[in-house]
PDB file of N, CA and C in Angstrom:
ATOM      1  N   MET A   1      88.372  74.906  90.410  1.00  0.00           N
ATOM      2  CA  MET A   1      87.013  75.027  91.057  1.00  0.00           C
ATOM      3  C   MET A   1      86.030  74.085  90.185  1.00  0.00           C
ATOM      4  N   ARG A   2      85.140  73.706  91.191  1.00  0.00           N
ATOM      5  CA  ARG A   2      83.797  73.003  90.192  1.00  0.00           C
ATOM      6  C   ARG A   2      82.731  73.900  90.625  1.00  0.00           C
ATOM      7  N   ASP A   3      82.421  74.359  89.364  1.00  0.00           N
ATOM      8  CA  ASP A   3      81.346  75.215  89.710  1.00  0.00           C
ATOM      9  C   ASP A   3      79.999  74.685  89.065  1.00  0.00           C
ATOM     10  N   ARG A   4      78.864  75.158  89.542  1.00  0.00           N
ATOM     11  CA  ARG A   4      77.644  74.449  89.293  1.00  0.00           C
ATOM     12  C   ARG A   4      77.164  74.849  87.743  1.00  0.00           C
ATOM     13  N   GLU A   5      77.410  75.795  87.043  1.00  0.00           N
ATOM     14  CA  GLU A   5      77.022  76.081  85.747  1.00  0.00           C
ATOM     15  C   GLU A   5      78.129  75.691  84.678  1.00  0.00           C
ATOM     16  N   PHE A   6      79.453  76.197  85.054  1.00  0.00           N
ATOM     17  CA  PHE A   6      80.489  75.684  84.140  1.00  0.00           C
ATOM     18  C   PHE A   6      81.346  74.412  84.114  1.00  0.00           C
ATOM     19  N   GLY A   7      80.921  73.883  85.458  1.00  0.00           N
ATOM     20  CA  GLY A   7      81.864  72.587  85.825  1.00  0.00           C
ATOM     21  C   GLY A   7      83.115  72.726  86.221  1.00  0.00           C
ATOM     22  N   MET A   8      84.097  71.639  85.980  1.00  0.00           N
ATOM     23  CA  MET A   8      85.396  71.993  86.364  1.00  0.00           C
ATOM     24  C   MET A   8      86.201  73.106  85.519  1.00  0.00           C
ATOM     25  N   VAL A   9      86.649  74.187  86.281  1.00  0.00           N
ATOM     26  CA  VAL A   9      87.684  75.331  85.801  1.00  0.00           C
ATOM     27  C   VAL A   9      88.904  75.531  86.448  1.00  0.00           C
ATOM     28  N   MET A  10      89.857  75.915  85.813  1.00  0.00           N
ATOM     29  CA  MET A  10      91.038  76.023  86.270  1.00  0.00           C
ATOM     30  C   MET A  10      91.412  77.439  86.079  1.00  0.00           C
ATOM     31  N   GLY A  11      91.823  78.202  86.952  1.00  0.00           N
ATOM     32  CA  GLY A  11      92.490  79.483  87.086  1.00  0.00           C
ATOM     33  C   GLY A  11      93.891  79.701  87.202  1.00  0.00           C
ATOM     34  N   CYS A  12      94.515  80.617  86.617  1.00  0.00           N
ATOM     35  CA  CYS A  12      96.040  80.737  86.961  1.00  0.00           C
ATOM     36  C   CYS A  12      96.268  82.497  86.939  1.00  0.00           C
ATOM     37  N   GLY A  13      97.224  82.379  87.735  1.00  0.00           N
ATOM     38  CA  GLY A  13      97.580  83.974  87.925  1.00  0.00           C
ATOM     39  C   GLY A  13      98.820  84.210  88.264  1.00  0.00           C
ATOM     40  N   MET A  14      99.572  85.437  88.596  1.00  0.00           N
ATOM     41  CA  MET A  14     100.661  85.387  89.019  1.00  0.00           C
ATOM     42  C   MET A  14     101.236  85.152  90.451  1.00  0.00           C
ATOM     43  N   GLY A  15      99.595  85.473  91.091  1.00  0.00           N
ATOM     44  CA  GLY A  15      99.846  85.249  92.526  1.00  0.00           C
ATOM     45  C   GLY A  15     100.012  86.747  93.041  1.00  0.00           C
ATOM     46  N   GLY A  16      99.549  86.601  94.404  1.00  0.00           N
ATOM     47  CA  GLY A  16      99.884  87.776  95.257  1.00  0.00           C
ATOM     48  C   GLY A  16      99.182  88.954  95.195  1.00  0.00           C
ATOM     49  N   GLY A  17      99.826  90.245  95.212  1.00  0.00           N
ATOM     50  CA  GLY A  17      99.150  91.577  94.849  1.00  0.00           C
ATOM     51  C   GLY A  17      98.963  91.511  93.515  1.00  0.00           C
ATOM     52  N   MET A  18      99.933  91.052  92.532  1.00  0.00           N
ATOM     53  CA  MET A  18     100.012  91.249  91.334  1.00  0.00           C
ATOM     54  C   MET A  18      98.191  90.728  90.570  1.00  0.00           C
ATOM     55  N   THR A  19      98.233  89.785  90.995  1.00  0.00           N
ATOM     56  CA  THR A  19      97.017  89.045  90.409  1.00  0.00           C
ATOM     57  C   THR A  19      95.698  89.943  90.577  1.00  0.00           C
ATOM     58  N   GLU A  20      95.361  90.429  91.804  1.00  0.00           N
ATOM     59  CA  GLU A  20      94.481  91.482  91.999  1.00  0.00           C
ATOM     60  C   GLU A  20      94.470  92.842  91.853  1.00  0.00           C
ATOM     61  N   ILE A  21      95.628  93.451  91.822  1.00  0.00           N
ATOM     62  CA  ILE A  21      96.126  94.855  91.285  1.00  0.00           C
ATOM     63  C   ILE A  21      95.857  94.967  89.972  1.00  0.00           C
ATOM     64  N   ILE A  22      96.431  94.220  88.954  1.00  0.00           N
ATOM     65  CA  ILE A  22      96.634  94.377  87.573  1.00  0.00           C
ATOM     66  C   ILE A  22      95.509  93.353  87.057  1.00  0.00           C
ATOM     67  N   ASP A  23      94.578  92.667  87.832  1.00  0.00           N
ATOM     68  CA  ASP A  23      93.673  91.828  86.895  1.00  0.00           C
ATOM     69  C   ASP A  23      94.082  90.819  86.340  1.00  0.00           C
ATOM     70  N   ASP A  24      95.118  90.091  86.544  1.00  0.00           N
ATOM     71  CA  ASP A  24      95.824  89.093  85.597  1.00  0.00           C
ATOM     72  C   ASP A  24      95.600  87.659  85.855  1.00  0.00           C
ATOM     73  N   GLU A  25      94.448  87.250  85.623  1.00  0.00           N
ATOM     74  CA  GLU A  25      93.887  85.835  85.519  1.00  0.00           C
ATOM     75  C   GLU A  25      93.759  85.312  84.182  1.00  0.00           C
ATOM     76  N   VAL A  26      93.609  84.152  84.237  1.00  0.00           N
ATOM     77  CA  VAL A  26      93.288  83.337  83.048  1.00  0.00           C
ATOM     78  C   VAL A  26      92.652  81.993  83.574  1.00  0.00           C
ATOM     79  N   PHE A  27      91.656  81.577  82.680  1.00  0.00           N
ATOM     80  CA  PHE A  27      90.579  80.487  82.958  1.00  0.00           C
ATOM     81  C   PHE A  27      90.648  79.770  81.996  1.00  0.00           C
ATOM     82  N   ALA A  28      90.318  78.390  82.086  1.00  0.00           N
ATOM     83  CA  ALA A  28      90.208  77.271  81.269  1.00  0.00           C
ATOM     84  C   ALA A  28      89.112  76.033  81.788  1.00  0.00           C
ATOM     85  N   ARG A  29      88.684  75.422  80.913  1.00  0.00           N
ATOM     86  CA  ARG A  29      88.068  74.115  81.268  1.00  0.00           C
ATOM     87  C   ARG A  29      89.109  73.247  82.022  1.00  0.00           C
ATOM     88  N   ALA A  30      88.678  72.451  82.908  1.00  0.00           N
ATOM     89  CA  ALA A  30      89.576  71.414  83.502  1.00  0.00           C
ATOM     90  C   ALA A  30      89.113  69.943  83.214  1.00  0.00           C
ATOM     91  N   PRO A  31      90.097  68.952  83.549  1.00  0.00           N
ATOM     92  CA  PRO A  31      91.164  69.122  83.849  1.00  0.00           C
ATOM     93  C   PRO A  31      91.856  69.471  82.348  1.00  0.00           C
ATOM     94  N   ILE A  32      93.186  69.847  82.341  1.00  0.00           N
ATOM     95  CA  ILE A  32      93.807  70.601  81.587  1.00  0.00           C
ATOM     96  C   ILE A  32      95.223  69.903  81.428  1.00  0.00           C
ATOM     97  N   ASP A  33      96.055  69.421  80.111  1.00  0.00           N
ATOM     98  CA  ASP A  33      97.111  68.788  79.999  1.00  0.00           C
ATOM     99  C   ASP A  33      98.347  69.578  79.979  1.00  0.00           C
ATOM    100  N   ALA A  34      99.216  69.286  80.044  1.00  0.00           N
ATOM    101  CA  ALA A  34     100.710  70.352  79.890  1.00  0.00           C
ATOM    102  C   ALA A  34     100.681  71.248  78.915  1.00  0.00           C
ATOM    103  N   ASP A  35     100.070  70.748  77.672  1.00  0.00           N
ATOM    104  CA  ASP A  35     100.213  71.858  76.389  1.00  0.00           C
ATOM    105  C   ASP A  35      98.961  72.764  76.891  1.00  0.00           C
ATOM    106  N   GLY A  36      97.999  72.435  77.108  1.00  0.00           N
ATOM    107  CA  GLY A  36      96.986  73.344  77.483  1.00  0.00           C
ATOM    108  C   GLY A  36      97.156  74.287  78.460  1.00  0.00           C
ATOM    109  N   ALA A  37      98.044  73.837  79.638  1.00  0.00           N
ATOM    110  CA  ALA A  37      98.546  74.619  80.980  1.00  0.00           C
ATOM    111  C   ALA A  37      99.306  75.856  80.345  1.00  0.00           C
ATOM    112  N   GLU A  38     100.273  75.381  79.284  1.00  0.00           N
ATOM    113  CA  GLU A  38     101.505  76.069  78.986  1.00  0.00           C
ATOM    114  C   GLU A  38     100.800  77.277  78.180  1.00  0.00           C
ATOM    115  N   ASP A  39      99.636  76.913  77.171  1.00  0.00           N
ATOM    116  CA  ASP A  39      98.864  77.871  76.421  1.00  0.00           C
ATOM    117  C   ASP A  39      98.059  78.870  77.497  1.00  0.00           C
ATOM    118  N   LEU A  40      97.632  78.472  78.711  1.00  0.00           N
ATOM    119  CA  LEU A  40      97.100  79.257  79.494  1.00  0.00           C
ATOM    120  C   LEU A  40      97.788  80.209  80.312  1.00  0.00           C
ATOM    121  N   LEU A  41      99.104  79.593  80.678  1.00  0.00           N
ATOM    122  CA  LEU A  41      99.838  80.602  81.388  1.00  0.00           C
ATOM    123  C   LEU A  41     100.568  81.700  80.387  1.00  0.00           C
ATOM    124  N   ARG A  42     100.745  81.377  79.268  1.00  0.00           N
ATOM    125  CA  ARG A  42     101.512  82.243  78.305  1.00  0.00           C
ATOM    126  C   ARG A  42     100.100  83.474  77.746  1.00  0.00           C
ATOM    127  N   ARG A  43      99.081  83.445  78.381  1.00  0.00           N
ATOM    128  CA  ARG A  43      97.998  84.247  78.127  1.00  0.00           C
ATOM    129  C   ARG A  43      98.339  85.075  79.372  1.00  0.00           C
ATOM    130  N   LEU A  44      99.164  84.945  80.405  1.00  0.00           N
ATOM    131  CA  LEU A  44      99.173  85.980  81.566  1.00  0.00           C
ATOM    132  C   LEU A  44      99.894  87.414  80.844  1.00  0.00           C
ATOM    133  N   ARG A  45      99.378  88.372  81.230  1.00  0.00           N
ATOM    134  CA  ARG A  45      99.676  89.804  80.661  1.00  0.00           C
ATOM    135  C   ARG A  45     101.225  89.950  81.570  1.00  0.00           C
ATOM    136  N   THR A  46     101.282  89.566  82.721  1.00  0.00           N
ATOM    137  CA  THR A  46     102.491  89.694  83.486  1.00  0.00           C
ATOM    138  C   THR A  46     103.666  89.379  82.520  1.00  0.00           C
ATOM    139  N   LEU A  47     103.552  88.213  81.980  1.00  0.00           N
ATOM    140  CA  LEU A  47     104.612  87.291  81.355  1.00  0.00           C
ATOM    141  C   LEU A  47     104.811  88.302  80.103  1.00  0.00           C
ATOM    142  N   HIS A  48     104.056  88.861  79.486  1.00  0.00           N
ATOM    143  CA  HIS A  48     104.459  89.394  77.960  1.00  0.00           C
ATOM    144  C   HIS A  48     104.829  90.994  78.716  1.00  0.00           C
ATOM    145  N   ARG A  49     104.708  91.674  79.618  1.00  0.00           N
ATOM    146  CA  ARG A  49     105.316  92.765  80.222  1.00  0.00           C
ATOM    147  C   ARG A  49     106.524  92.841  80.891  1.00  0.00           C
ATOM    148  N   LEU A  50     106.693  91.553  81.391  1.00  0.00           N
ATOM    149  CA  LEU A  50     108.134  91.395  82.211  1.00  0.00           C
ATOM    150  C   LEU A  50     108.553  90.037  81.820  1.00  0.00           C
ATOM    151  N   PRO A  51     109.107  89.834  80.604  1.00  0.00           N
ATOM    152  CA  PRO A  51     109.745  88.686  79.969  1.00  0.00           C
ATOM    153  C   PRO A  51     110.635  87.914  80.675  1.00  0.00           C
ATOM    154  N   GLY A  52     111.455  88.866  81.635  1.00  0.00           N
ATOM    155  CA  GLY A  52     112.310  88.065  82.413  1.00  0.00           C
ATOM    156  C   GLY A  52     111.980  87.741  83.715  1.00  0.00           C
ATOM    157  N   PHE A  53     110.840  87.776  83.972  1.00  0.00           N
ATOM    158  CA  PHE A  53     110.129  87.579  85.287  1.00  0.00           C
ATOM    159  C   PHE A  53     110.232  86.084  85.966  1.00  0.00           C
ATOM    160  N   LEU A  54     110.206  85.129  84.813  1.00  0.00           N
ATOM    161  CA  LEU A  54     110.319  83.614  84.966  1.00  0.00           C
ATOM    162  C   LEU A  54     111.406  83.468  84.001  1.00  0.00           C
ATOM    163  N   THR A  55     112.541  82.413  84.039  1.00  0.00           N
ATOM    164  CA  THR A  55     113.076  81.816  83.230  1.00  0.00           C
ATOM    165  C   THR A  55     112.542  80.866  82.162  1.00  0.00           C
ATOM    166  N   SER A  56     113.184  80.488  81.195  1.00  0.00           N
ATOM    167  CA  SER A  56     112.502  79.300  80.333  1.00  0.00           C
ATOM    168  C   SER A  56     112.259  78.157  80.796  1.00  0.00           C
ATOM    169  N   ASP A  57     113.274  77.849  81.981  1.00  0.00           N
ATOM    170  CA  ASP A  57     113.238  76.611  82.316  1.00  0.00           C
ATOM    171  C   ASP A  57     111.894  76.569  83.142  1.00  0.00           C
ATOM    172  N   GLN A  58     111.608  77.687  84.387  1.00  0.00           N
ATOM    173  CA  GLN A  58     110.406  77.887  84.981  1.00  0.00           C
ATOM    174  C   GLN A  58     109.366  77.971  84.493  1.00  0.00           C
ATOM    175  N   ILE A  59     109.330  78.307  83.100  1.00  0.00           N
ATOM    176  CA  ILE A  59     108.017  78.638  82.196  1.00  0.00           C
ATOM    177  C   ILE A  59     107.541  76.999  81.924  1.00  0.00           C
ATOM    178  N   ARG A  60     108.688  76.348  81.570  1.00  0.00           N
ATOM    179  CA  ARG A  60     108.705  74.811  81.191  1.00  0.00           C
ATOM    180  C   ARG A  60     107.977  74.073  82.380  1.00  0.00           C
ATOM    181  N   ARG A  61     108.219  74.481  83.736  1.00  0.00           N
ATOM    182  CA  ARG A  61     108.030  73.377  84.569  1.00  0.00           C
ATOM    183  C   ARG A  61     106.849  73.844  85.105  1.00  0.00           C
ATOM    184  N   ALA A  62     106.466  75.111  84.919  1.00  0.00           N
ATOM    185  CA  ALA A  62     105.123  75.290  85.540  1.00  0.00           C
ATOM    186  C   ALA A  62     103.633  74.890  84.941  1.00  0.00           C
ATOM    187  N   PRO A  63     103.746  74.599  83.587  1.00  0.00           N
ATOM    188  CA  PRO A  63     102.295  73.932  83.263  1.00  0.00           C
ATOM    189  C   PRO A  63     102.604  72.489  83.497  1.00  0.00           C
ATOM    190  N   ASP A  64     103.609  71.560  83.945  1.00  0.00           N
ATOM    191  CA  ASP A  64     103.562  70.470  84.202  1.00  0.00           C
ATOM    192  C   ASP A  64     102.823  70.168  85.450  1.00  0.00           C
ATOM    193  N   PHE A  65     103.398  71.238  86.468  1.00  0.00           N
ATOM    194  CA  PHE A  65     102.506  71.186  87.991  1.00  0.00           C
ATOM    195  C   PHE A  65     101.098  71.679  87.793  1.00  0.00           C
ATOM    196  N   ALA A  66     100.796  72.712  86.752  1.00  0.00           N
ATOM    197  CA  ALA A  66      99.253  73.113  86.562  1.00  0.00           C
ATOM    198  C   ALA A  66      98.791  72.057  86.196  1.00  0.00           C
ATOM    199  N   ALA A  67      99.221  71.042  85.299  1.00  0.00           N
ATOM    200  CA  ALA A  67      98.421  69.982  84.803  1.00  0.00           C
ATOM    201  C   ALA A  67      98.106  69.143  85.495  1.00  0.00           C
ATOM    202  N   GLY A  68      99.107  68.811  86.518  1.00  0.00           N
ATOM    203  CA  GLY A  68      99.075  67.437  87.472  1.00  0.00           C
ATOM    204  C   GLY A  68      97.861  68.156  88.602  1.00  0.00           C
ATOM    205  N   PHE A  69      98.297  69.397  88.918  1.00  0.00           N
ATOM    206  CA  PHE A  69      97.242  70.098  90.151  1.00  0.00           C
ATOM    207  C   PHE A  69      95.792  69.969  89.367  1.00  0.00           C
ATOM    208  N   SER A  70      95.561  70.370  88.185  1.00  0.00           N
ATOM    209  CA  SER A  70      94.238  69.964  87.583  1.00  0.00           C
ATOM    210  C   SER A  70      93.636  68.625  87.438  1.00  0.00           C
ATOM    211  N   ALA A  71      94.486  67.729  87.350  1.00  0.00           N
ATOM    212  CA  ALA A  71      93.991  66.454  87.441  1.00  0.00           C
ATOM    213  C   ALA A  71      93.648  65.804  88.737  1.00  0.00           C
ATOM    214  N   LEU A  72      94.368  66.289  89.662  1.00  0.00           N
ATOM    215  CA  LEU A  72      94.165  65.940  90.801  1.00  0.00           C
ATOM    216  C   LEU A  72      92.818  66.592  91.441  1.00  0.00           C
ATOM    217  N   ALA A  73      92.556  68.000  90.956  1.00  0.00           N
ATOM    218  CA  ALA A  73      91.318  68.667  91.417  1.00  0.00           C
ATOM    219  C   ALA A  73      89.921  68.062  90.778  1.00  0.00           C
ATOM    220  N   ALA A  74      90.248  67.483  89.718  1.00  0.00           N
ATOM    221  CA  ALA A  74      89.105  66.812  88.890  1.00  0.00           C
ATOM    222  C   ALA A  74      88.429  65.686  89.565  1.00  0.00           C
ATOM    223  N   THR A  75      89.457  64.923  90.440  1.00  0.00           N
ATOM    224  CA  THR A  75      89.162  63.751  91.262  1.00  0.00           C
ATOM    225  C   THR A  75      88.290  64.153  92.611  1.00  0.00           C
ATOM    226  N   ALA A  76      88.189  65.065  92.849  1.00  0.00           N
ATOM    227  CA  ALA A  76      87.647  65.677  94.045  1.00  0.00           C
ATOM    228  C   ALA A  76      85.952  65.052  94.234  1.00  0.00           C
ATOM    229  N   PRO A  77      85.658  64.656  95.279  1.00  0.00           N
ATOM    230  CA  PRO A  77      84.218  64.206  95.262  1.00  0.00           C
ATOM    231  C   PRO A  77      83.037  65.102  95.445  1.00  0.00           C
ATOM    232  N   TRP A  78      83.253  66.348  95.917  1.00  0.00           N
ATOM    233  CA  TRP A  78      82.611  67.597  96.020  1.00  0.00           C
ATOM    234  C   TRP A  78      81.742  68.077  94.990  1.00  0.00           C
ATOM    235  N   PRO A  79      80.446  68.111  94.708  1.00  0.00           N
ATOM    236  CA  PRO A  79      80.079  68.905  93.582  1.00  0.00           C
ATOM    237  C   PRO A  79      80.411  70.245  93.359  1.00  0.00           C
ATOM    238  N   VAL A  80      80.634  71.086  94.525  1.00  0.00           N
ATOM    239  CA  VAL A  80      80.772  72.450  94.299  1.00  0.00           C
ATOM    240  C   VAL A  80      82.033  72.671  95.244  1.00  0.00           C
ATOM    241  N   PHE A  81      83.385  72.941  94.895  1.00  0.00           N
ATOM    242  CA  PHE A  81      84.478  73.065  95.726  1.00  0.00           C
ATOM    243  C   PHE A  81      85.338  74.372  95.148  1.00  0.00           C
ATOM    244  N   THR A  82      86.239  74.730  95.792  1.00  0.00           N
ATOM    245  CA  THR A  82      87.356  75.770  95.232  1.00  0.00           C
ATOM    246  C   THR A  82      88.638  74.985  96.118  1.00  0.00           C
ATOM    247  N   LEU A  83      89.878  74.820  95.219  1.00  0.00           N
ATOM    248  CA  LEU A  83      91.071  74.143  95.554  1.00  0.00           C
ATOM    249  C   LEU A  83      91.844  74.784  95.258  1.00  0.00           C
ATOM    250  N   GLU A  84      92.801  76.052  96.065  1.00  0.00           N
ATOM    251  CA  GLU A  84      93.795  76.764  95.878  1.00  0.00           C
ATOM    252  C   GLU A  84      95.156  76.574  96.250  1.00  0.00           C
ATOM    253  N   VAL A  85      95.985  76.888  95.276  1.00  0.00           N
ATOM    254  CA  VAL A  85      97.603  76.714  95.949  1.00  0.00           C
ATOM    255  C   VAL A  85      98.243  78.099  95.638  1.00  0.00           C
ATOM    256  N   ASN A  86      98.269  78.659  96.583  1.00  0.00           N
ATOM    257  CA  ASN A  86      98.872  79.855  96.464  1.00  0.00           C
ATOM    258  C   ASN A  86      99.892  80.418  97.858  1.00  0.00           C
ATOM    259  N   PRO A  87     100.969  80.569  97.963  1.00  0.00           N
ATOM    260  CA  PRO A  87     101.985  80.757  96.552  1.00  0.00           C
ATOM    261  C   PRO A  87     102.228  79.466  96.120  1.00  0.00           C
ATOM    262  N   ARG A  88     102.663  79.456  94.708  1.00  0.00           N
ATOM    263  CA  ARG A  88     103.252  78.299  94.367  1.00  0.00           C
ATOM    264  C   ARG A  88     104.815  78.911  93.825  1.00  0.00           C
ATOM    265  N   LYS A  89     105.952  78.281  94.282  1.00  0.00           N
ATOM    266  CA  LYS A  89     107.300  78.752  93.906  1.00  0.00           C
ATOM    267  C   LYS A  89     107.859  77.850  92.602  1.00  0.00           C
ATOM    268  N   VAL A  90     108.028  78.396  91.748  1.00  0.00           N
ATOM    269  CA  VAL A  90     108.742  77.972  90.513  1.00  0.00           C
ATOM    270  C   VAL A  90     110.258  78.082  90.752  1.00  0.00           C
ATOM    271  N   GLY A  91     111.052  76.974  91.171  1.00  0.00           N
ATOM    272  CA  GLY A  91     112.417  77.077  91.222  1.00  0.00           C
ATOM    273  C   GLY A  91     112.979  76.805  89.853  1.00  0.00           C
ATOM    274  N   GLU A  92     114.113  76.997  89.914  1.00  0.00           N
ATOM    275  CA  GLU A  92     114.813  76.247  88.529  1.00  0.00           C
ATOM    276  C   GLU A  92     115.260  75.135  88.433  1.00  0.00           C
ATOM    277  N   ASN A  93     114.788  74.118  89.542  1.00  0.00           N
ATOM    278  CA  ASN A  93     114.897  72.618  89.667  1.00  0.00           C
ATOM    279  C   ASN A  93     113.808  72.130  89.972  1.00  0.00           C
ATOM    280  N   SER A  94     112.622  72.778  90.355  1.00  0.00           N
ATOM    281  CA  SER A  94     111.367  72.230  91.136  1.00  0.00           C
ATOM    282  C   SER A  94     110.353  73.220  91.122  1.00  0.00           C
ATOM    283  N   VAL A  95     108.977  72.803  91.494  1.00  0.00           N
ATOM    284  CA  VAL A  95     107.725  73.352  91.893  1.00  0.00           C
ATOM    285  C   VAL A  95     107.404  73.104  92.998  1.00  0.00           C
ATOM    286  N   ALA A  96     106.952  73.965  93.836  1.00  0.00           N
ATOM    287  CA  ALA A  96     106.563  73.592  95.374  1.00  0.00           C
ATOM    288  C   ALA A  96     105.293  74.534  95.493  1.00  0.00           C
ATOM    289  N   ALA A  97     104.385  73.886  95.996  1.00  0.00           N
ATOM    290  CA  ALA A  97     103.120  74.357  96.477  1.00  0.00           C
ATOM    291  C   ALA A  97     103.253  74.745  97.965  1.00  0.00           C
ATOM    292  N   VAL A  98     103.271  76.016  98.252  1.00  0.00           N
ATOM    293  CA  VAL A  98     103.790  76.508  99.661  1.00  0.00           C
ATOM    294  C   VAL A  98     102.410  76.584 100.678  1.00  0.00           C
ATOM    295  N   ASP A  99     101.344  76.828  99.967  1.00  0.00           N
ATOM    296  CA  ASP A  99     100.014  76.742 100.983  1.00  0.00           C
ATOM    297  C   ASP A  99      98.929  76.619 100.247  1.00  0.00           C
ATOM    298  N   GLY A 100      97.821  76.111 100.615  1.00  0.00           N
ATOM    299  CA  GLY A 100      96.651  75.769  99.968  1.00  0.00           C
ATOM    300  C   GLY A 100      95.423  75.970 101.054  1.00  0.00           C
ATOM    301  N   LEU A 101      94.556  76.109 100.222  1.00  0.00           N
ATOM    302  CA  LEU A 101      93.070  76.206 100.667  1.00  0.00           C
ATOM    303  C   LEU A 101      91.898  75.462  99.963  1.00  0.00           C
ATOM    304  N   LEU A 102      91.126  74.922 100.656  1.00  0.00           N
ATOM    305  CA  LEU A 102      90.156  74.166 100.229  1.00  0.00           C
ATOM    306  C   LEU A 102      88.721  74.449 100.861  1.00  0.00           C
ATOM    307  N   ILE A 103      87.708  74.948  99.904  1.00  0.00           N
ATOM    308  CA  ILE A 103      86.704  75.537 100.312  1.00  0.00           C
ATOM    309  C   ILE A 103      85.477  74.484  99.804  1.00  0.00           C
ATOM    310  N   ILE A 104      84.572  73.788 100.691  1.00  0.00           N
ATOM    311  CA  ILE A 104      83.598  73.031 100.016  1.00  0.00           C
ATOM    312  C   ILE A 104      82.233  73.382 100.219  1.00  0.00           C
ATOM    313  N   GLU A 105      81.353  73.770  99.109  1.00  0.00           N
ATOM    314  CA  GLU A 105      80.159  74.333  99.260  1.00  0.00           C
ATOM    315  C   GLU A 105      79.045  73.385  99.457  1.00  0.00           C
ATOM    316  N   ARG A 106      77.998  73.436 100.081  1.00  0.00           N
ATOM    317  CA  ARG A 106      76.824  72.581 100.104  1.00  0.00           C
ATOM    318  C   ARG A 106      75.783  73.237  99.356  1.00  0.00           C
TER     319      ARG A 106
END
């Protein structure tokens, strides 16, 4: 999202009810590169509590997607907006955005 006070910010969570129920979200200034995205994702408590939730291949793939999404969002022309991809499916060989939402504020 691009916030009036903080500028470009990227948030990540496990998605779905888990994110809201256990309040497991992390944020960083954007755009972010793949190394920064991996650090961001590894801060999620869910991955520490459920180490088998994602395979090592999935954990390597997710930061590349997050970095690319962050770079795309950084090119958005709106002064204040939220661009969300949820859910994102991380498979053994690919990452796919299943649904998205764009909110443009005036």
